[in-house]
C-alpha atoms as a PDB file:
ATOM      1  CA  MET A   1     -18.425 184.497  27.380  1.00  0.00           C
ATOM      2  CA  ASN A   2     -21.107 181.872  27.732  1.00  0.00           C
ATOM      3  CA  SER A   3     -24.276 182.566  29.698  1.00  0.00           C
ATOM      4  CA  ALA A   4     -23.408 180.156  32.546  1.00  0.00           C
ATOM      5  CA  ALA A   5     -20.082 181.909  33.162  1.00  0.00           C
ATOM      6  CA  LEU A   6     -21.726 185.331  33.005  1.00  0.00           C
ATOM      7  CA  LYS A   7     -24.381 184.178  35.500  1.00  0.00           C
ATOM      8  CA  ARG A   8     -21.718 182.972  37.974  1.00  0.00           C
ATOM      9  CA  ILE A   9     -19.779 186.222  37.669  1.00  0.00           C
ATOM     10  CA  THR A  10     -22.907 188.325  38.111  1.00  0.00           C
ATOM     11  CA  GLU A  11     -23.953 186.295  41.162  1.00  0.00           C
ATOM     12  CA  LYS A  12     -20.519 186.727  42.758  1.00  0.00           C
ATOM     13  CA  TRP A  13     -19.751 190.356  41.921  1.00  0.00           C
ATOM     14  CA  GLY A  14     -23.178 191.828  41.182  1.00  0.00           C
ATOM     15  CA  GLU A  15     -24.808 193.419  38.182  1.00  0.00           C
ATOM     16  CA  GLY A  16     -23.252 196.792  37.406  1.00  0.00           C
ATOM     17  CA  SER A  17     -20.258 195.969  39.576  1.00  0.00           C
ATOM     18  CA  LEU A  18     -16.718 197.197  39.187  1.00  0.00           C
ATOM     19  CA  TYR A  19     -15.780 193.701  38.017  1.00  0.00           C
ATOM     20  CA  MET A  20     -18.340 193.796  35.197  1.00  0.00           C
ATOM     21  CA  PHE A  21     -17.309 197.352  34.277  1.00  0.00           C
ATOM     22  CA  LEU A  22     -13.669 196.276  33.947  1.00  0.00           C
ATOM     23  CA  MET A  23     -14.677 193.161  31.986  1.00  0.00           C
ATOM     24  CA  GLU A  24     -16.260 195.480  29.461  1.00  0.00           C
ATOM     25  CA  HIS A  25     -13.412 197.995  29.266  1.00  0.00           C
ATOM     26  CA  LEU A  26     -10.412 195.666  29.598  1.00  0.00           C
ATOM     27  CA  PRO A  27     -11.127 192.862  27.114  1.00  0.00           C
ATOM     28  CA  SER A  28      -7.479 191.874  26.711  1.00  0.00           C
ATOM     29  CA  TYR A  29      -7.255 191.401  30.487  1.00  0.00           C
ATOM     30  CA  ARG A  30      -9.451 188.312  30.389  1.00  0.00           C
ATOM     31  CA  THR A  31      -8.121 184.844  31.044  1.00  0.00           C
ATOM     32  CA  ALA A  32      -8.613 181.840  28.786  1.00  0.00           C
ATOM     33  CA  TYR A  33     -11.742 181.160  30.881  1.00  0.00           C
ATOM     34  CA  SER A  34     -13.142 184.652  30.162  1.00  0.00           C
ATOM     35  CA  LEU A  35     -12.506 185.845  33.693  1.00  0.00           C
ATOM     36  CA  LEU A  36     -10.884 189.128  34.582  1.00  0.00           C
ATOM     37  CA  ASP A  37      -7.153 188.624  35.135  1.00  0.00           C
ATOM     38  CA  ILE A  38      -6.825 190.372  38.492  1.00  0.00           C
ATOM     39  CA  HIS A  39      -3.162 189.389  38.836  1.00  0.00           C
ATOM     40  CA  ARG A  40      -2.291 190.999  35.500  1.00  0.00           C
ATOM     41  CA  ILE A  41      -4.169 194.180  36.398  1.00  0.00           C
ATOM     42  CA  ALA A  42      -2.340 194.315  39.730  1.00  0.00           C
ATOM     43  CA  ASP A  43       1.007 193.810  37.987  1.00  0.00           C
ATOM     44  CA  GLU A  44       0.240 196.568  35.458  1.00  0.00           C
ATOM     45  CA  LEU A  45      -0.658 198.970  38.264  1.00  0.00           C
ATOM     46  CA  ASP A  46       2.252 197.894  40.485  1.00  0.00           C
ATOM     47  CA  LEU A  47      -0.163 196.836  43.223  1.00  0.00           C
ATOM     48  CA  THR A  48      -0.896 193.592  45.035  1.00  0.00           C
ATOM     49  CA  TYR A  49      -3.559 191.295  43.640  1.00  0.00           C
ATOM     50  CA  GLN A  50      -5.088 191.159  47.135  1.00  0.00           C
ATOM     51  CA  GLY A  51      -5.670 194.901  47.017  1.00  0.00           C
ATOM     52  CA  VAL A  52      -7.331 194.704  43.615  1.00  0.00           C
ATOM     53  CA  TYR A  53      -9.559 191.853  44.822  1.00  0.00           C
ATOM     54  CA  ARG A  54     -10.553 194.060  47.776  1.00  0.00           C
ATOM     55  CA  TRP A  55     -11.781 196.691  45.325  1.00  0.00           C
ATOM     56  CA  MET A  56     -13.976 194.093  43.664  1.00  0.00           C
ATOM     57  CA  GLY A  57     -15.431 192.874  46.945  1.00  0.00           C
ATOM     58  CA  ALA A  58     -15.959 196.334  48.400  1.00  0.00           C
ATOM     59  CA  ARG A  59     -17.374 197.610  45.105  1.00  0.00           C
ATOM     60  CA  ARG A  60     -15.786 200.962  45.749  1.00  0.00           C
ATOM     61  CA  LEU A  61     -12.573 202.765  44.903  1.00  0.00           C
ATOM     62  CA  ARG A  62     -10.527 205.572  46.318  1.00  0.00           C
ATOM     63  CA  PRO A  63     -10.212 208.420  43.788  1.00  0.00           C
ATOM     64  CA  GLU A  64      -6.519 207.703  43.154  1.00  0.00           C
ATOM     65  CA  ASN A  65      -7.307 204.053  42.367  1.00  0.00           C
ATOM     66  CA  ALA A  66     -10.060 205.134  39.988  1.00  0.00           C
ATOM     67  CA  GLU A  67      -7.470 207.251  38.182  1.00  0.00           C
ATOM     68  CA  LEU A  68      -5.100 204.283  37.901  1.00  0.00           C
ATOM     69  CA  LEU A  69      -7.827 202.118  36.408  1.00  0.00           C
ATOM     70  CA  LEU A  70      -8.902 204.919  34.089  1.00  0.00           C
ATOM     71  CA  LYS A  71      -5.373 205.133  32.644  1.00  0.00           C
ATOM     72  CA  LEU A  72      -5.380 201.380  32.099  1.00  0.00           C
ATOM     73  CA  CYS A  73      -8.793 201.508  30.402  1.00  0.00           C
ATOM     74  CA  VAL A  74      -7.763 204.424  28.176  1.00  0.00           C
ATOM     75  CA  ALA A  75      -4.618 202.559  27.087  1.00  0.00           C
ATOM     76  CA  GLU A  76      -6.724 199.479  26.374  1.00  0.00           C
ATOM     77  CA  ALA A  77      -9.212 201.490  24.330  1.00  0.00           C
ATOM     78  CA  GLY A  78      -6.362 202.938  22.293  1.00  0.00           C
ATOM     79  CA  ARG A  79      -5.068 199.453  21.478  1.00  0.00           C
ATOM     80  CA  ASN A  80      -8.529 198.272  20.434  1.00  0.00           C
ATOM     81  CA  ALA A  81      -9.799 201.420  18.720  1.00  0.00           C
ATOM     82  CA  ALA A  82     -12.662 201.450  21.226  1.00  0.00           C
ATOM     83  CA  GLU A  83     -14.286 204.281  23.102  1.00  0.00           C
ATOM     84  CA  ALA A  84     -12.524 204.858  26.405  1.00  0.00           C
ATOM     85  CA  PRO A  85     -14.405 205.495  29.618  1.00  0.00           C
ATOM     86  CA  THR A  86     -14.016 208.856  31.314  1.00  0.00           C
ATOM     87  CA  ILE A  87     -13.319 209.618  34.952  1.00  0.00           C
ATOM     88  CA  ASP A  88     -17.065 210.240  35.294  1.00  0.00           C
ATOM     89  CA  SER A  89     -17.607 206.565  34.442  1.00  0.00           C
ATOM     90  CA  PHE A  90     -15.903 205.696  37.735  1.00  0.00           C
ATOM     91  CA  THR A  91     -18.014 208.036  39.886  1.00  0.00           C
ATOM     92  CA  ARG A  92     -20.428 205.279  40.922  1.00  0.00           C
ATOM     93  CA  PHE A  93     -17.503 203.277  42.298  1.00  0.00           C
ATOM     94  CA  VAL A  94     -15.899 206.190  44.155  1.00  0.00           C
ATOM     95  CA  PHE A  95     -19.140 207.641  45.532  1.00  0.00           C
ATOM     96  CA  PRO A  96     -21.583 204.710  45.732  1.00  0.00           C
ATOM     97  CA  ALA A  97     -25.211 205.470  46.462  1.00  0.00           C
END
């Protein structure tokens, strides 16, 4: 991802945001423009894309949604031989400061 795109994403969603966390842990869920494919994530989780966008804007998750995303991230890590996040990685999004 080029620095201009990263700057725009950071300005919109915030440094350390759920969006940036998922960008890191779901690399195959990026579009051709290096953006997170919210529609694909929603489809994988059998949810609406509007609901997933709400998570990004609110920057918080309900525990059951954190578990859904964790499963997706673990599956992604397995496909890419990468280290998977743990449920503790989602704590800051479930219980924000």
